[in-house]
Amino acid sequence: MSGNYARIYAAVRRIPRGKVATYGQVAKLAGLPRHARQVGYALHALPAASDVPWQRVVNAQGAVSPRAVPGFEDEQRRLLEREGVTFDGRGRIPLSRFQWGRTVPSPEAGPPPGKNRVSARSPRG
């Protein structure tokens, strides 16, 4: 196994159950920015008995990517649905809800660190 594939598999293993990551996101996590296609090659090369949760990697639109082997798209969808991931009417996963690492701050959380709630400066006229 190549060093890059090992890094990709390690990144995919970090994706929690019930969450997904895009090919590009996995590439960045593996230290291989702009190598999303290599993530696909690495996942395709996985042995059948692998513990890498390959089903948690989807394309940038939140869709299951077509596979060369018929039936894998359906299997990926079944595995994700068992983890609680849902699909919309177009067969896409709402990334705003299920993408790993994507956070939407609640209004109660306040401004990001380093930002003042109220500026001490008076407006200039």
N, C-alpha and C. Protein backbone atom coordinates (compact mmCIF):
# COMPACT_ATOMS: atom_id res chain seq x y z
N MET A 1 0.86 -1.18 0.00
CA MET A 1 0.00 0.00 0.00
C MET A 1 0.90 1.24 0.00
N SER A 2 0.54 2.21 -0.82
CA SER A 2 1.35 3.43 -0.89
C SER A 2 1.14 4.27 0.37
N GLY A 3 2.11 5.13 0.65
CA GLY A 3 2.00 6.03 1.79
C GLY A 3 0.79 6.94 1.69
N ASN A 4 0.50 7.40 0.46
CA ASN A 4 -0.67 8.27 0.27
C ASN A 4 -1.96 7.52 0.57
N TYR A 5 -2.06 6.26 0.12
CA TYR A 5 -3.27 5.49 0.39
C TYR A 5 -3.44 5.29 1.89
N ALA A 6 -2.36 5.02 2.60
CA ALA A 6 -2.44 4.84 4.06
C ALA A 6 -2.95 6.12 4.72
N ARG A 7 -2.49 7.26 4.25
CA ARG A 7 -2.95 8.55 4.81
C ARG A 7 -4.43 8.77 4.51
N ILE A 8 -4.85 8.39 3.31
CA ILE A 8 -6.26 8.53 2.93
C ILE A 8 -7.12 7.62 3.80
N TYR A 9 -6.71 6.37 3.98
CA TYR A 9 -7.49 5.44 4.80
C TYR A 9 -7.57 5.92 6.25
N ALA A 10 -6.49 6.48 6.76
CA ALA A 10 -6.50 7.01 8.13
C ALA A 10 -7.49 8.17 8.24
N ALA A 11 -7.55 9.03 7.23
CA ALA A 11 -8.49 10.15 7.24
C ALA A 11 -9.93 9.65 7.19
N VAL A 12 -10.20 8.66 6.35
CA VAL A 12 -11.56 8.13 6.23
C VAL A 12 -11.99 7.46 7.53
N ARG A 13 -11.08 6.79 8.20
CA ARG A 13 -11.42 6.15 9.49
C ARG A 13 -11.84 7.17 10.55
N ARG A 14 -11.46 8.41 10.39
CA ARG A 14 -11.82 9.46 11.36
C ARG A 14 -13.25 9.96 11.18
N ILE A 15 -13.88 9.71 10.04
CA ILE A 15 -15.24 10.20 9.79
C ILE A 15 -16.20 9.46 10.73
N PRO A 16 -16.92 10.17 11.58
CA PRO A 16 -17.80 9.49 12.53
C PRO A 16 -19.01 8.85 11.86
N ARG A 17 -19.53 7.85 12.52
CA ARG A 17 -20.76 7.19 12.08
C ARG A 17 -21.86 8.24 11.98
N GLY A 18 -22.65 8.19 10.90
CA GLY A 18 -23.74 9.14 10.71
C GLY A 18 -23.31 10.45 10.08
N LYS A 19 -22.04 10.55 9.68
CA LYS A 19 -21.53 11.74 8.99
C LYS A 19 -20.87 11.31 7.69
N VAL A 20 -20.70 12.26 6.79
CA VAL A 20 -20.01 12.00 5.52
C VAL A 20 -18.96 13.07 5.30
N ALA A 21 -18.04 12.78 4.40
CA ALA A 21 -17.04 13.76 3.97
C ALA A 21 -16.92 13.64 2.46
N THR A 22 -16.55 14.72 1.82
CA THR A 22 -16.37 14.69 0.37
C THR A 22 -14.97 14.19 0.03
N TYR A 23 -14.81 13.77 -1.22
CA TYR A 23 -13.50 13.31 -1.68
C TYR A 23 -12.45 14.41 -1.46
N GLY A 24 -12.80 15.64 -1.78
CA GLY A 24 -11.86 16.75 -1.60
C GLY A 24 -11.53 16.99 -0.14
N GLN A 25 -12.52 16.86 0.72
CA GLN A 25 -12.31 17.04 2.15
C GLN A 25 -11.35 15.98 2.69
N VAL A 26 -11.54 14.73 2.26
CA VAL A 26 -10.66 13.64 2.69
C VAL A 26 -9.24 13.90 2.20
N ALA A 27 -9.12 14.36 0.95
CA ALA A 27 -7.79 14.65 0.40
C ALA A 27 -7.07 15.69 1.26
N LYS A 28 -7.78 16.75 1.64
CA LYS A 28 -7.17 17.78 2.49
C LYS A 28 -6.78 17.21 3.85
N LEU A 29 -7.66 16.42 4.46
CA LEU A 29 -7.37 15.82 5.76
C LEU A 29 -6.15 14.91 5.69
N ALA A 30 -5.95 14.28 4.54
CA ALA A 30 -4.82 13.36 4.36
C ALA A 30 -3.54 14.11 3.99
N GLY A 31 -3.63 15.44 3.89
CA GLY A 31 -2.47 16.23 3.51
C GLY A 31 -2.20 16.21 2.02
N LEU A 32 -3.25 15.94 1.25
CA LEU A 32 -3.13 15.85 -0.21
C LEU A 32 -4.14 16.77 -0.89
N PRO A 33 -4.08 18.08 -0.61
CA PRO A 33 -5.07 18.98 -1.21
C PRO A 33 -5.04 18.87 -2.73
N ARG A 34 -6.20 19.04 -3.33
CA ARG A 34 -6.38 18.98 -4.78
C ARG A 34 -6.13 17.58 -5.35
N HIS A 35 -6.25 16.54 -4.51
CA HIS A 35 -6.07 15.17 -4.97
C HIS A 35 -7.32 14.33 -4.67
N ALA A 36 -8.49 14.92 -4.87
CA ALA A 36 -9.74 14.22 -4.60
C ALA A 36 -9.85 12.94 -5.42
N ARG A 37 -9.37 12.97 -6.64
CA ARG A 37 -9.46 11.79 -7.50
C ARG A 37 -8.64 10.63 -6.92
N GLN A 38 -7.50 10.96 -6.31
CA GLN A 38 -6.67 9.92 -5.71
C GLN A 38 -7.41 9.24 -4.55
N VAL A 39 -8.26 10.00 -3.86
CA VAL A 39 -9.08 9.41 -2.80
C VAL A 39 -9.99 8.34 -3.40
N GLY A 40 -10.59 8.64 -4.54
CA GLY A 40 -11.43 7.66 -5.22
C GLY A 40 -10.66 6.42 -5.61
N TYR A 41 -9.46 6.60 -6.14
CA TYR A 41 -8.63 5.45 -6.52
C TYR A 41 -8.29 4.61 -5.29
N ALA A 42 -7.96 5.27 -4.19
CA ALA A 42 -7.60 4.55 -2.97
C ALA A 42 -8.79 3.74 -2.44
N LEU A 43 -9.97 4.34 -2.45
CA LEU A 43 -11.15 3.62 -1.96
C LEU A 43 -11.50 2.46 -2.88
N HIS A 44 -11.31 2.65 -4.17
CA HIS A 44 -11.56 1.56 -5.13
C HIS A 44 -10.61 0.38 -4.88
N ALA A 45 -9.41 0.67 -4.40
CA ALA A 45 -8.40 -0.37 -4.18
C ALA A 45 -8.56 -1.10 -2.85
N LEU A 46 -9.53 -0.71 -2.03
CA LEU A 46 -9.71 -1.36 -0.73
C LEU A 46 -10.06 -2.83 -0.89
N PRO A 47 -9.48 -3.70 -0.06
CA PRO A 47 -9.90 -5.10 -0.07
C PRO A 47 -11.32 -5.22 0.50
N ALA A 48 -12.01 -6.27 0.11
CA ALA A 48 -13.41 -6.45 0.52
C ALA A 48 -13.59 -6.48 2.03
N ALA A 49 -12.65 -7.03 2.76
CA ALA A 49 -12.79 -7.17 4.21
C ALA A 49 -12.21 -5.99 4.99
N SER A 50 -12.07 -4.86 4.37
CA SER A 50 -11.45 -3.69 5.00
C SER A 50 -12.34 -3.10 6.09
N ASP A 51 -11.70 -2.49 7.09
CA ASP A 51 -12.46 -1.80 8.14
C ASP A 51 -12.59 -0.30 7.85
N VAL A 52 -12.15 0.14 6.69
CA VAL A 52 -12.26 1.55 6.31
C VAL A 52 -13.71 1.83 5.91
N PRO A 53 -14.37 2.80 6.55
CA PRO A 53 -15.78 3.07 6.25
C PRO A 53 -15.94 3.88 4.95
N TRP A 54 -15.64 3.24 3.84
CA TRP A 54 -15.64 3.87 2.51
C TRP A 54 -16.98 4.52 2.18
N GLN A 55 -18.06 3.98 2.73
CA GLN A 55 -19.40 4.48 2.39
C GLN A 55 -19.60 5.92 2.83
N ARG A 56 -18.76 6.42 3.73
CA ARG A 56 -18.92 7.77 4.27
C ARG A 56 -18.29 8.85 3.39
N VAL A 57 -17.75 8.46 2.24
CA VAL A 57 -17.14 9.43 1.33
C VAL A 57 -18.06 9.61 0.13
N VAL A 58 -18.45 10.85 -0.12
CA VAL A 58 -19.38 11.17 -1.21
C VAL A 58 -18.82 12.31 -2.04
N ASN A 59 -19.48 12.59 -3.16
CA ASN A 59 -18.97 13.68 -4.00
C ASN A 59 -19.37 15.04 -3.44
N ALA A 60 -18.89 16.08 -4.06
CA ALA A 60 -19.07 17.45 -3.55
C ALA A 60 -20.52 17.90 -3.54
N GLN A 61 -21.38 17.21 -4.29
CA GLN A 61 -22.81 17.54 -4.30
C GLN A 61 -23.59 16.73 -3.26
N GLY A 62 -22.89 15.88 -2.51
CA GLY A 62 -23.56 15.05 -1.52
C GLY A 62 -24.16 13.80 -2.11
N ALA A 63 -23.75 13.45 -3.31
CA ALA A 63 -24.29 12.27 -3.97
C ALA A 63 -23.29 11.12 -3.92
N VAL A 64 -23.83 9.92 -4.02
CA VAL A 64 -23.02 8.72 -4.14
C VAL A 64 -22.47 8.71 -5.56
N SER A 65 -21.16 8.56 -5.69
CA SER A 65 -20.55 8.56 -7.03
C SER A 65 -20.79 7.22 -7.71
N PRO A 66 -21.00 7.25 -9.03
CA PRO A 66 -21.19 5.99 -9.77
C PRO A 66 -19.95 5.11 -9.65
N ARG A 67 -20.16 3.82 -9.62
CA ARG A 67 -19.07 2.85 -9.52
C ARG A 67 -19.01 2.00 -10.78
N ALA A 68 -17.85 1.43 -11.02
CA ALA A 68 -17.67 0.54 -12.16
C ALA A 68 -18.42 -0.77 -11.95
N VAL A 69 -18.55 -1.18 -10.69
CA VAL A 69 -19.23 -2.43 -10.37
C VAL A 69 -20.68 -2.12 -10.02
N PRO A 70 -21.63 -2.70 -10.77
CA PRO A 70 -23.05 -2.44 -10.49
C PRO A 70 -23.42 -2.86 -9.06
N GLY A 71 -24.30 -2.09 -8.45
CA GLY A 71 -24.81 -2.41 -7.13
C GLY A 71 -24.10 -1.71 -5.98
N PHE A 72 -22.90 -1.19 -6.22
CA PHE A 72 -22.18 -0.54 -5.12
C PHE A 72 -22.84 0.76 -4.69
N GLU A 73 -23.48 1.47 -5.62
CA GLU A 73 -24.17 2.70 -5.23
C GLU A 73 -25.30 2.38 -4.24
N ASP A 74 -26.05 1.31 -4.55
CA ASP A 74 -27.15 0.91 -3.67
C ASP A 74 -26.63 0.46 -2.31
N GLU A 75 -25.51 -0.27 -2.32
CA GLU A 75 -24.92 -0.74 -1.06
C GLU A 75 -24.45 0.45 -0.22
N GLN A 76 -23.83 1.44 -0.86
CA GLN A 76 -23.36 2.61 -0.13
C GLN A 76 -24.54 3.34 0.50
N ARG A 77 -25.59 3.49 -0.26
CA ARG A 77 -26.78 4.18 0.26
C ARG A 77 -27.37 3.40 1.45
N ARG A 78 -27.48 2.09 1.32
CA ARG A 78 -28.02 1.27 2.42
C ARG A 78 -27.18 1.42 3.69
N LEU A 79 -25.85 1.36 3.53
CA LEU A 79 -24.97 1.49 4.69
C LEU A 79 -25.12 2.85 5.35
N LEU A 80 -25.20 3.91 4.55
CA LEU A 80 -25.36 5.25 5.11
C LEU A 80 -26.72 5.41 5.80
N GLU A 81 -27.77 4.88 5.18
CA GLU A 81 -29.09 4.98 5.80
C GLU A 81 -29.13 4.25 7.14
N ARG A 82 -28.42 3.13 7.24
CA ARG A 82 -28.34 2.41 8.52
C ARG A 82 -27.67 3.25 9.60
N GLU A 83 -26.81 4.18 9.17
CA GLU A 83 -26.13 5.07 10.12
C GLU A 83 -26.95 6.32 10.43
N GLY A 84 -28.13 6.44 9.81
CA GLY A 84 -28.99 7.59 10.07
C GLY A 84 -28.87 8.71 9.06
N VAL A 85 -28.07 8.53 8.03
CA VAL A 85 -27.91 9.55 6.99
C VAL A 85 -29.12 9.47 6.06
N THR A 86 -29.69 10.62 5.73
CA THR A 86 -30.86 10.65 4.84
C THR A 86 -30.49 11.25 3.49
N PHE A 87 -31.32 10.97 2.51
CA PHE A 87 -31.15 11.46 1.15
C PHE A 87 -32.38 12.26 0.76
N ASP A 88 -32.19 13.28 -0.07
CA ASP A 88 -33.33 14.07 -0.54
C ASP A 88 -33.94 13.39 -1.77
N GLY A 89 -34.92 14.03 -2.37
CA GLY A 89 -35.62 13.48 -3.53
C GLY A 89 -34.74 13.27 -4.75
N ARG A 90 -33.61 13.97 -4.80
CA ARG A 90 -32.69 13.81 -5.93
C ARG A 90 -31.58 12.81 -5.62
N GLY A 91 -31.68 12.15 -4.48
CA GLY A 91 -30.67 11.16 -4.11
C GLY A 91 -29.41 11.75 -3.53
N ARG A 92 -29.51 12.97 -3.03
CA ARG A 92 -28.34 13.64 -2.45
C ARG A 92 -28.48 13.75 -0.93
N ILE A 93 -27.34 13.75 -0.28
CA ILE A 93 -27.29 13.91 1.17
C ILE A 93 -27.21 15.40 1.47
N PRO A 94 -28.06 15.93 2.35
CA PRO A 94 -27.93 17.34 2.73
C PRO A 94 -26.62 17.55 3.50
N LEU A 95 -25.61 18.06 2.82
CA LEU A 95 -24.30 18.24 3.45
C LEU A 95 -24.36 19.22 4.61
N SER A 96 -25.29 20.17 4.56
CA SER A 96 -25.40 21.12 5.67
C SER A 96 -25.74 20.41 6.98
N ARG A 97 -26.31 19.24 6.88
CA ARG A 97 -26.70 18.48 8.07
C ARG A 97 -25.74 17.33 8.39
N PHE A 98 -25.21 16.67 7.35
CA PHE A 98 -24.46 15.44 7.57
C PHE A 98 -22.97 15.52 7.28
N GLN A 99 -22.50 16.63 6.72
CA GLN A 99 -21.06 16.69 6.42
C GLN A 99 -20.25 16.83 7.69
N TRP A 100 -19.29 15.96 7.87
CA TRP A 100 -18.42 15.97 9.04
C TRP A 100 -17.57 17.23 9.03
N GLY A 101 -17.49 17.88 10.18
CA GLY A 101 -16.67 19.08 10.29
C GLY A 101 -17.40 20.35 9.94
N ARG A 102 -18.58 20.23 9.38
CA ARG A 102 -19.36 21.43 9.06
C ARG A 102 -20.17 21.79 10.29
N THR A 103 -19.99 22.98 10.78
CA THR A 103 -20.76 23.40 11.95
C THR A 103 -21.51 24.67 11.63
N VAL A 104 -22.69 24.74 12.14
CA VAL A 104 -23.50 25.94 12.00
C VAL A 104 -23.71 26.48 13.40
N PRO A 105 -23.07 27.61 13.74
CA PRO A 105 -23.20 28.12 15.10
C PRO A 105 -24.63 28.53 15.41
N SER A 106 -25.05 28.24 16.62
CA SER A 106 -26.38 28.65 17.02
C SER A 106 -26.34 30.13 17.39
N PRO A 107 -27.49 30.83 17.34
CA PRO A 107 -27.50 32.25 17.70
C PRO A 107 -27.03 32.48 19.13
N GLU A 108 -27.26 31.49 20.02
CA GLU A 108 -26.85 31.63 21.42
C GLU A 108 -25.34 31.58 21.58
N ALA A 109 -24.64 31.07 20.58
CA ALA A 109 -23.19 30.91 20.69
C ALA A 109 -22.46 32.24 20.67
N GLY A 110 -23.09 33.27 20.13
CA GLY A 110 -22.45 34.58 20.06
C GLY A 110 -21.46 34.66 18.91
N PRO A 111 -20.70 35.74 18.86
CA PRO A 111 -19.76 35.93 17.76
C PRO A 111 -18.57 34.99 17.88
N PRO A 112 -17.85 34.77 16.78
CA PRO A 112 -16.66 33.93 16.85
C PRO A 112 -15.63 34.54 17.78
N PRO A 113 -14.72 33.73 18.32
CA PRO A 113 -13.68 34.26 19.21
C PRO A 113 -12.92 35.39 18.54
N GLY A 114 -12.58 36.41 19.33
CA GLY A 114 -11.83 37.54 18.80
C GLY A 114 -12.70 38.64 18.22
N LYS A 115 -13.99 38.41 18.15
CA LYS A 115 -14.91 39.42 17.63
C LYS A 115 -15.65 40.05 18.80
N ASN A 116 -15.78 41.34 18.77
CA ASN A 116 -16.51 42.05 19.83
C ASN A 116 -17.99 42.01 19.54
N ARG A 117 -18.77 41.86 20.58
CA ARG A 117 -20.22 41.90 20.41
C ARG A 117 -20.67 43.32 20.08
N VAL A 118 -20.10 44.29 20.78
CA VAL A 118 -20.46 45.69 20.55
C VAL A 118 -19.16 46.45 20.39
N SER A 119 -19.10 47.25 19.38
CA SER A 119 -17.89 48.03 19.14
C SER A 119 -17.83 49.19 20.12
N ALA A 120 -16.65 49.45 20.65
CA ALA A 120 -16.47 50.57 21.57
C ALA A 120 -16.29 51.87 20.81
N ARG A 121 -16.07 51.78 19.52
CA ARG A 121 -15.86 52.99 18.72
C ARG A 121 -17.19 53.67 18.44
N SER A 122 -17.14 54.97 18.38
CA SER A 122 -18.34 55.70 17.99
C SER A 122 -18.32 55.85 16.47
N PRO A 123 -19.48 55.84 15.86
CA PRO A 123 -19.52 55.99 14.40
C PRO A 123 -19.00 57.36 13.98
N ARG A 124 -18.31 57.37 12.89
CA ARG A 124 -17.79 58.65 12.35
C ARG A 124 -18.78 59.18 11.34
N GLY A 125 -18.96 60.45 11.38
CA GLY A 125 -19.95 61.04 10.52
C GLY A 125 -19.48 61.87 9.44
